[in-house]
């Protein structure tokens, strides 16, 4: 090999070394093999990062679904609890508004239609008894023909249960009562109700011939079969005033006649057992139809 070829070969080697140094500098001091290894590692890291991101997204999605499921379950539970609470409250309200002693024998707070019916008739605004203290009673009774009838009474809440129990016993025993209607059917007129032999309880009024409120005004008295068990007052001359008119034949309590209330009568026994007083035991007047609490 001559000197010319040696010189060219040396220049080629120097060029190769120079290019190698330049390439390493451009690769931040890495060899091509090192660069390839770093590239592979970077690719693997990016792949792992992508998988991690996907996993995180899946976890976030699952968490959202779990939260939605929990919220949905909570909403269902809340709705169910609210419904149960509402039903329970409705049942409680029903229990409070209507009490049943037996089939056909109930009492409740005054229904709105009854309030409208009695307002300005048997009930007037006053400071002695409120509508809230009164109860509307439904009872069954046997009329004078032996037929079963539906009756209604308004009374003080204190005696509502007692009246149901008493009328239930009277009904089961076949005790006969001609009529059991609100006195409002007679425009609140006590005399008209007695003439019809109607059994009634509440009526905001005074005692006949006085300025004193009757026990009826508080719903604490009841008049039973009044035509056959009249109200009697006595004059100084010994004469009697018998009410209602036409019931004079029944003022003689020694006489025997149907529907007479005396101490052997079932109504007398039941009412007195429940703590009522009988007007037939009074001295200055006799009110044979009358039981008061």
Protein backbone atom coordinates (compact mmCIF):
# COMPACT_ATOMS: atom_id res chain seq x y z
CA UNK A 1 0.00 0.00 0.00
CA UNK A 2 1.53 3.30 -0.97
CA UNK A 3 1.58 6.44 1.10
CA UNK A 4 -1.35 7.95 -0.78
CA UNK A 5 -3.76 5.16 0.28
CA UNK A 6 -2.51 5.28 3.88
CA UNK A 7 -3.18 9.00 3.98
CA UNK A 8 -6.76 8.59 2.63
CA UNK A 9 -7.49 5.72 5.04
CA UNK A 10 -6.34 7.86 8.00
CA UNK A 11 -8.60 10.70 6.94
CA UNK A 12 -11.58 8.28 6.71
CA UNK A 13 -10.96 6.95 10.23
CA UNK A 14 -10.74 10.45 11.62
CA UNK A 15 -14.02 11.37 9.91
CA UNK A 16 -15.74 8.30 11.39
CA UNK A 17 -14.54 9.17 14.92
CA UNK A 18 -15.60 12.79 14.50
CA UNK A 19 -19.07 11.79 13.34
CA UNK A 20 -19.38 9.33 16.24
CA UNK A 21 -18.51 12.08 18.75
CA UNK A 22 -20.98 14.47 17.15
CA UNK A 23 -23.78 11.81 17.25
CA UNK A 24 -23.07 11.08 20.93
CA UNK A 25 -23.17 14.80 21.72
CA UNK A 26 -26.50 15.16 19.98
CA UNK A 27 -27.82 12.14 21.93
CA UNK A 28 -26.80 13.83 25.22
CA UNK A 29 -23.74 11.69 25.62
CA UNK A 30 -25.54 8.37 24.93
CA UNK A 31 -24.40 5.68 22.59
CA UNK A 32 -26.84 4.41 20.02
CA UNK A 33 -27.31 1.23 22.06
CA UNK A 34 -28.00 3.26 25.19
CA UNK A 35 -30.40 5.46 23.24
CA UNK A 36 -32.29 2.42 22.00
CA UNK A 37 -32.52 1.03 25.59
CA UNK A 38 -33.81 4.38 26.90
CA UNK A 39 -36.34 4.57 24.08
CA UNK A 40 -37.62 1.09 24.93
CA UNK A 41 -37.85 1.98 28.66
CA UNK A 42 -39.66 5.22 27.89
CA UNK A 43 -42.13 3.34 25.68
CA UNK A 44 -42.75 0.80 28.45
CA UNK A 45 -43.22 3.59 31.01
CA UNK A 46 -45.71 5.39 28.77
CA UNK A 47 -47.58 2.14 28.23
CA UNK A 48 -47.69 1.54 32.00
CA UNK A 49 -48.86 5.10 32.55
CA UNK A 50 -51.63 4.63 29.99
CA UNK A 51 -52.76 1.41 31.70
CA UNK A 52 -52.65 3.16 35.06
CA UNK A 53 -54.76 6.00 33.66
CA UNK A 54 -57.27 3.51 32.29
CA UNK A 55 -57.37 1.71 35.66
CA UNK A 56 -57.89 5.04 37.44
CA UNK A 57 -60.72 5.89 35.06
CA UNK A 58 -62.29 2.48 35.69
CA UNK A 59 -61.96 2.98 39.45
CA UNK A 60 -63.49 6.45 39.17
CA UNK A 61 -66.31 5.03 37.07
CA UNK A 62 -66.91 2.21 39.56
CA UNK A 63 -66.85 4.71 42.43
CA UNK A 64 -69.41 6.87 40.62
CA UNK A 65 -71.62 3.85 40.00
CA UNK A 66 -71.24 2.82 43.64
CA UNK A 67 -72.12 6.31 44.81
CA UNK A 68 -75.11 6.40 42.44
CA UNK A 69 -76.21 2.98 43.69
CA UNK A 70 -75.82 4.07 47.31
CA UNK A 71 -77.70 7.31 46.61
CA UNK A 72 -80.42 5.36 44.81
CA UNK A 73 -80.68 2.91 47.71
CA UNK A 74 -80.75 5.79 50.16
CA UNK A 75 -83.48 7.52 48.16
CA UNK A 76 -85.55 4.32 48.07
CA UNK A 77 -85.05 3.85 51.80
CA UNK A 78 -85.98 7.47 52.45
CA UNK A 79 -89.12 7.20 50.33
CA UNK A 80 -90.09 3.96 52.07
CA UNK A 81 -89.49 5.48 55.50
CA UNK A 82 -91.48 8.58 54.59
CA UNK A 83 -94.35 6.47 53.28
CA UNK A 84 -94.35 4.32 56.42
CA UNK A 85 -94.25 7.44 58.58
CA UNK A 86 -97.14 8.99 56.64
CA UNK A 87 -99.21 5.80 56.84
CA UNK A 88 -98.44 5.54 60.53
CA UNK A 89 -99.47 9.15 61.09
CA UNK A 90 -102.67 8.59 59.10
CA UNK A 91 -103.46 5.53 61.21
CA UNK A 92 -102.79 7.52 64.37
CA UNK A 93 -105.01 10.33 63.14
CA UNK A 94 -107.74 7.82 62.40
CA UNK A 95 -107.37 6.32 65.86
CA UNK A 96 -107.62 9.74 67.43
CA UNK A 97 -110.55 10.99 65.25
CA UNK A 98 -112.72 7.88 65.53
CA UNK A 99 -113.00 5.35 68.32
CA UNK A 100 -114.99 2.16 67.89
CA UNK A 101 -116.48 0.30 70.84
CA UNK A 102 -118.38 -2.25 68.76
CA UNK A 103 -119.83 -2.40 65.26
CA UNK A 104 -122.28 0.47 64.96
CA UNK A 105 -121.00 2.18 68.12
CA UNK A 106 -118.38 4.85 67.46
CA UNK A 107 -117.44 8.37 68.48
CA UNK A 108 -115.21 10.96 66.87
CA UNK A 109 -114.35 14.62 66.83
CA UNK A 110 -117.14 16.63 65.23
CA UNK A 111 -117.12 16.20 61.42
CA UNK A 112 -117.25 19.43 59.45
CA UNK A 113 -120.78 18.79 58.19
CA UNK A 114 -121.97 18.31 61.78
CA UNK A 115 -120.20 21.51 62.87
CA UNK A 116 -122.03 23.38 60.11
CA UNK A 117 -125.32 21.75 61.08
CA UNK A 118 -125.21 22.69 64.77
CA UNK A 119 -123.57 26.12 64.48
CA UNK A 120 -126.09 28.79 65.40
CA UNK A 121 -128.61 26.12 66.46
CA UNK A 122 -127.62 23.86 69.36
CA UNK A 123 -124.16 25.43 69.47
CA UNK A 124 -123.33 29.13 69.71
CA UNK A 125 -120.01 30.81 70.35
CA UNK A 126 -119.34 30.89 74.07
CA UNK A 127 -116.58 30.78 76.68
CA UNK A 128 -117.84 27.67 78.48
CA UNK A 129 -117.55 24.82 76.00
CA UNK A 130 -115.64 24.59 72.71
CA UNK A 131 -116.37 22.45 69.69
CA UNK A 132 -113.10 20.63 70.34
CA UNK A 133 -114.48 19.36 73.65
CA UNK A 134 -117.50 17.74 72.00
CA UNK A 135 -117.77 14.31 70.39
CA UNK A 136 -120.09 12.94 67.72
CA UNK A 137 -121.49 9.51 68.66
CA UNK A 138 -123.14 6.92 66.46
CA UNK A 139 -125.18 4.18 68.13
CA UNK A 140 -127.68 1.47 67.27
CA UNK A 141 -130.99 1.16 69.10
CA UNK A 142 -134.26 -0.75 68.98
CA UNK A 143 -137.24 1.46 68.17
CA UNK A 144 -140.76 0.99 69.55
CA UNK A 145 -141.54 -1.43 66.72
CA UNK A 146 -138.50 -3.51 67.58
CA UNK A 147 -136.60 -2.43 64.48
CA UNK A 148 -132.90 -1.62 64.60
CA UNK A 149 -132.17 2.05 63.91
CA UNK A 150 -129.08 4.24 63.62
CA UNK A 151 -128.89 7.00 66.20
CA UNK A 152 -126.62 10.01 66.68
CA UNK A 153 -125.70 12.06 69.72
CA UNK A 154 -123.34 14.91 70.52
CA UNK A 155 -121.78 14.82 73.97
CA UNK A 156 -118.83 15.99 76.01
CA UNK A 157 -115.63 14.06 75.31
CA UNK A 158 -115.61 13.03 79.00
CA UNK A 159 -118.65 10.77 78.61
CA UNK A 160 -118.36 9.59 75.00
CA UNK A 161 -117.01 6.17 75.92
CA UNK A 162 -119.60 5.77 78.69
CA UNK A 163 -122.45 6.52 76.29
CA UNK A 164 -121.22 3.93 73.80
CA UNK A 165 -121.00 1.29 76.49
CA UNK A 166 -124.45 2.14 77.92
CA UNK A 167 -126.22 2.23 74.55
CA UNK A 168 -124.49 -0.98 73.51
CA UNK A 169 -125.92 -2.76 76.55
CA UNK A 170 -129.37 -1.24 76.00
CA UNK A 171 -129.30 -2.35 72.36
CA UNK A 172 -128.19 -5.91 73.13
CA UNK A 173 -130.86 -6.18 75.83
CA UNK A 174 -133.63 -5.17 73.41
CA UNK A 175 -134.33 -1.95 75.34
CA UNK A 176 -136.64 0.24 73.26
CA UNK A 177 -136.05 3.92 72.48
CA UNK A 178 -138.34 5.78 70.14
CA UNK A 179 -135.85 8.19 68.59
CA UNK A 180 -132.17 9.17 68.93
CA UNK A 181 -131.53 12.29 66.84
CA UNK A 182 -129.56 15.49 67.26
CA UNK A 183 -131.73 18.19 68.78
CA UNK A 184 -130.84 20.29 65.75
CA UNK A 185 -133.42 18.22 63.88
CA UNK A 186 -135.91 20.17 66.03
CA UNK A 187 -134.14 23.54 65.54
CA UNK A 188 -132.58 23.21 68.97
CA UNK A 189 -136.03 23.39 70.59
CA UNK A 190 -136.01 21.19 73.68
CA UNK A 191 -139.80 21.17 73.97
CA UNK A 192 -140.23 20.03 70.36
CA UNK A 193 -137.68 17.26 70.92
CA UNK A 194 -139.52 16.07 74.06
CA UNK A 195 -142.87 16.10 72.28
CA UNK A 196 -141.35 13.80 69.63
CA UNK A 197 -140.07 11.58 72.47
CA UNK A 198 -136.58 12.11 71.12
CA UNK A 199 -133.54 11.08 73.13
CA UNK A 200 -130.83 13.74 72.96
CA UNK A 201 -127.78 15.04 74.75
CA UNK A 202 -125.98 18.30 73.83
CA UNK A 203 -127.86 21.59 73.57
CA UNK A 204 -126.33 24.89 74.64
CA UNK A 205 -129.22 26.22 76.72
CA UNK A 206 -130.22 27.26 80.24
CA UNK A 207 -132.33 25.26 82.67
CA UNK A 208 -136.00 25.94 81.93
CA UNK A 209 -137.27 28.93 83.95
CA UNK A 210 -133.77 29.99 85.11
CA UNK A 211 -130.65 31.77 83.87
CA UNK A 212 -128.42 28.86 84.87
CA UNK A 213 -126.72 26.81 82.18
CA UNK A 214 -128.04 23.28 81.93
CA UNK A 215 -125.71 20.28 82.01
CA UNK A 216 -126.90 19.78 78.44
CA UNK A 217 -125.00 22.95 77.56
CA UNK A 218 -121.78 21.11 78.45
CA UNK A 219 -122.80 17.88 76.75
CA UNK A 220 -122.89 16.15 80.14
CA UNK A 221 -126.60 15.23 80.31
CA UNK A 222 -128.96 13.06 78.31
CA UNK A 223 -132.77 12.92 78.19
CA UNK A 224 -134.11 9.42 77.48
CA UNK A 225 -137.63 8.74 76.15
CA UNK A 226 -138.69 12.16 77.52
CA UNK A 227 -142.39 12.04 76.69
CA UNK A 228 -142.90 9.02 78.96
CA UNK A 229 -140.57 10.44 81.60
CA UNK A 230 -141.57 14.10 81.99
CA UNK A 231 -139.96 17.06 83.71
CA UNK A 232 -142.01 18.22 86.72
CA UNK A 233 -141.75 21.40 88.79
CA UNK A 234 -143.92 22.31 91.79
CA UNK A 235 -145.74 25.53 92.59
CA UNK A 236 -146.23 26.92 96.10
CA UNK A 237 -149.88 25.94 96.01
CA UNK A 238 -148.90 22.33 95.41
CA UNK A 239 -149.83 22.26 91.76
CA UNK A 240 -147.46 20.82 89.16
CA UNK A 241 -146.00 22.00 85.90
CA UNK A 242 -145.48 19.01 83.63
CA UNK A 243 -143.36 19.19 80.49
CA UNK A 244 -143.87 18.38 77.70
CA UNK A 245 -147.54 19.13 77.42
CA UNK A 246 -149.59 15.98 76.91
CA UNK A 247 -147.38 13.81 79.09
CA UNK A 248 -149.42 14.40 82.27
CA UNK A 249 -150.53 10.77 82.39
CA UNK A 250 -146.90 9.76 82.89
CA UNK A 251 -146.31 12.11 85.83
CA UNK A 252 -147.84 9.50 88.13
CA UNK A 253 -144.84 7.33 88.82
CA UNK A 254 -146.89 4.82 90.78
CA UNK A 255 -148.79 3.92 87.63
CA UNK A 256 -147.63 1.08 85.43
CA UNK A 257 -146.87 1.91 81.79
CA UNK A 258 -144.20 1.05 79.20
CA UNK A 259 -140.93 2.95 78.84
CA UNK A 260 -141.05 4.21 82.43
CA UNK A 261 -137.68 4.93 84.01
CA UNK A 262 -137.41 4.03 87.67
CA UNK A 263 -134.81 2.37 89.85
CA UNK A 264 -135.67 -1.05 88.42
CA UNK A 265 -135.17 0.10 84.86
CA UNK A 266 -132.10 -1.12 82.94
CA UNK A 267 -131.24 2.40 81.78
CA UNK A 268 -131.23 3.64 85.37
CA UNK A 269 -128.92 0.81 86.41
CA UNK A 270 -126.48 1.33 83.56
CA UNK A 271 -126.29 5.11 83.82
CA UNK A 272 -125.82 5.12 87.59
CA UNK A 273 -123.18 2.40 87.31
CA UNK A 274 -121.26 4.75 85.01
CA UNK A 275 -121.41 7.60 87.53
CA UNK A 276 -124.47 9.50 86.27
CA UNK A 277 -127.09 11.05 88.55
CA UNK A 278 -130.79 10.59 87.84
CA UNK A 279 -133.19 13.56 87.86
CA UNK A 280 -135.90 11.32 89.29
CA UNK A 281 -134.10 11.38 92.64
CA UNK A 282 -134.18 15.17 92.97
CA UNK A 283 -136.41 16.80 95.57
CA UNK A 284 -137.37 20.31 94.41
CA UNK A 285 -138.03 19.10 90.85
CA UNK A 286 -138.39 15.73 89.18
CA UNK A 287 -136.72 15.12 85.85
CA UNK A 288 -137.41 11.46 85.13
CA UNK A 289 -135.94 11.54 81.64
CA UNK A 290 -132.68 13.11 82.75
CA UNK A 291 -129.24 11.59 83.52
CA UNK A 292 -126.28 13.88 84.10
CA UNK A 293 -122.60 13.34 84.77
